[in-house]
Amino acid sequence: MKIYSFKQNTGKSIHQFNSKNVTIHPLLKPDEPFQIGYFYLEEGSVLGMHPAMCDQLLMITSGRGWVRIEGGEKITVEPGMAVFWQEGEMHESGSEVGMTAIVAEGSRLDPKRYLPAT
């Protein structure tokens, strides 16, 4: 058995797209375009507007935050909610109080097959 840490202070800070106070721990990056990561969005964070490089599913695990697409209003998200963006869709996310989330990215994601829509 091995114990690993994915605490916020050991992750990779994201600064692209005018982002601030966002840390990620990439968990899986195989040769096929698919990635799983764990996000920390601190108080007052924003992961700036950017295109989804492939289909993305953001699964909120704690805290509360917001998401939006280009030209859209902010939508509040909380634990138990998942947000899906299609490849190329412009989007951003953030949190006023802090939020953590798992993100899965890949061309073969199909959340409607497994998750009920709200």
Protein backbone atom coordinates (compact mmCIF):
# COMPACT_ATOMS: atom_id res chain seq x y z
CA MET A 1 0.00 0.00 0.00
CA LYS A 2 1.12 3.56 -0.71
CA ILE A 3 -0.40 6.79 0.53
CA TYR A 4 -0.35 9.85 -1.71
CA SER A 5 -1.27 13.46 -1.18
CA PHE A 6 -3.45 15.61 -3.38
CA LYS A 7 -3.56 18.52 -0.98
CA GLN A 8 -4.03 21.93 -2.49
CA ASN A 9 -0.49 23.14 -1.77
CA THR A 10 1.08 20.30 -3.81
CA GLY A 11 -0.96 20.85 -6.98
CA LYS A 12 -0.33 22.81 -10.16
CA SER A 13 -1.57 26.42 -10.22
CA ILE A 14 -3.52 27.48 -13.29
CA HIS A 15 -2.78 30.97 -14.60
CA GLN A 16 -3.91 30.70 -18.26
CA PHE A 17 -7.04 32.56 -19.38
CA ASN A 18 -6.63 35.20 -16.61
CA SER A 19 -7.40 32.52 -14.03
CA LYS A 20 -6.68 33.13 -10.36
CA ASN A 21 -6.70 31.01 -7.19
CA VAL A 22 -7.18 27.69 -9.05
CA THR A 23 -5.10 24.55 -8.44
CA ILE A 24 -5.36 21.18 -10.19
CA HIS A 25 -3.93 17.73 -9.59
CA PRO A 26 -3.97 15.85 -12.91
CA LEU A 27 -4.76 12.24 -11.99
CA LEU A 28 -4.71 10.45 -15.34
CA LYS A 29 -3.17 11.43 -18.67
CA PRO A 30 -2.89 8.38 -20.95
CA ASP A 31 -1.91 8.50 -24.61
CA GLU A 32 -5.53 8.67 -25.70
CA PRO A 33 -6.94 12.16 -25.15
CA PHE A 34 -8.53 11.63 -21.75
CA GLN A 35 -7.69 13.24 -18.42
CA ILE A 36 -9.02 13.16 -14.88
CA GLY A 37 -8.08 15.87 -12.40
CA TYR A 38 -9.03 17.34 -9.04
CA PHE A 39 -9.63 21.11 -8.86
CA TYR A 40 -9.30 23.44 -5.89
CA LEU A 41 -11.01 26.78 -6.46
CA GLU A 42 -10.21 29.12 -3.58
CA GLU A 43 -12.36 31.97 -2.30
CA GLY A 44 -12.67 34.60 -5.02
CA SER A 45 -11.38 32.21 -7.70
CA VAL A 46 -12.02 32.23 -11.43
CA LEU A 47 -10.97 29.77 -14.11
CA GLY A 48 -11.21 32.23 -16.98
CA MET A 49 -13.25 31.96 -20.17
CA HIS A 50 -11.69 29.38 -22.51
CA PRO A 51 -12.74 26.76 -25.06
CA ALA A 52 -13.15 23.16 -23.97
CA MET A 53 -10.29 21.34 -25.68
CA CYS A 54 -12.48 18.22 -25.66
CA ASP A 55 -15.71 17.20 -23.92
CA GLN A 56 -15.47 18.01 -20.19
CA LEU A 57 -17.44 16.95 -17.13
CA LEU A 58 -16.99 18.98 -13.92
CA MET A 59 -18.29 17.14 -10.81
CA ILE A 60 -18.61 19.35 -7.72
CA THR A 61 -17.48 17.56 -4.53
CA SER A 62 -17.52 20.33 -1.89
CA GLY A 63 -18.20 24.04 -1.43
CA ARG A 64 -20.20 26.14 -3.83
CA GLY A 65 -19.39 27.99 -7.02
CA TRP A 66 -20.65 29.05 -10.40
CA VAL A 67 -20.30 28.16 -14.08
CA ARG A 68 -21.26 29.93 -17.26
CA ILE A 69 -20.87 29.76 -21.00
CA GLU A 70 -19.88 32.69 -23.18
CA GLY A 71 -22.68 35.27 -23.17
CA GLY A 72 -24.58 33.36 -20.48
CA GLU A 73 -25.49 34.06 -16.88
CA LYS A 74 -23.66 32.48 -13.95
CA ILE A 75 -25.32 29.31 -12.69
CA THR A 76 -24.75 28.25 -9.09
CA VAL A 77 -23.30 24.75 -8.60
CA GLU A 78 -22.88 22.69 -5.43
CA PRO A 79 -21.88 19.18 -4.36
CA GLY A 80 -23.65 16.44 -6.25
CA MET A 81 -24.02 18.52 -9.42
CA ALA A 82 -22.10 17.85 -12.63
CA VAL A 83 -21.62 20.26 -15.55
CA PHE A 84 -20.90 19.05 -19.10
CA TRP A 85 -19.27 21.18 -21.79
CA GLN A 86 -18.84 19.98 -25.35
CA GLU A 87 -15.56 20.34 -27.24
CA GLY A 88 -15.06 23.95 -28.34
CA GLU A 89 -17.69 25.39 -25.98
CA MET A 90 -16.46 28.62 -24.35
CA HIS A 91 -16.90 28.45 -20.58
CA GLU A 92 -15.60 29.61 -17.22
CA SER A 93 -16.11 28.75 -13.58
CA GLY A 94 -15.33 30.21 -10.19
CA SER A 95 -16.23 30.45 -6.55
CA GLU A 96 -16.74 33.22 -4.01
CA VAL A 97 -16.50 30.84 -1.02
CA GLY A 98 -14.29 28.01 -2.30
CA MET A 99 -15.12 24.80 -4.15
CA THR A 100 -13.51 21.48 -5.06
CA ALA A 101 -14.37 19.35 -8.07
CA ILE A 102 -13.30 16.36 -10.12
CA VAL A 103 -12.90 17.08 -13.82
CA ALA A 104 -12.96 14.41 -16.53
CA GLU A 105 -11.97 15.39 -20.06
CA GLY A 106 -12.17 13.22 -23.16
CA SER A 107 -13.83 12.75 -26.50
CA ARG A 108 -15.78 9.67 -25.38
CA LEU A 109 -17.56 11.18 -22.37
CA ASP A 110 -21.31 10.57 -22.39
CA PRO A 111 -22.82 11.74 -19.08
CA LYS A 112 -26.42 11.45 -20.30
CA ARG A 113 -25.84 7.69 -20.45
CA TYR A 114 -25.14 7.48 -16.72
CA LEU A 115 -26.34 10.63 -14.95
CA PRO A 116 -29.88 12.02 -14.63
CA ALA A 117 -30.36 15.56 -15.96
CA THR A 118 -31.63 18.28 -13.63
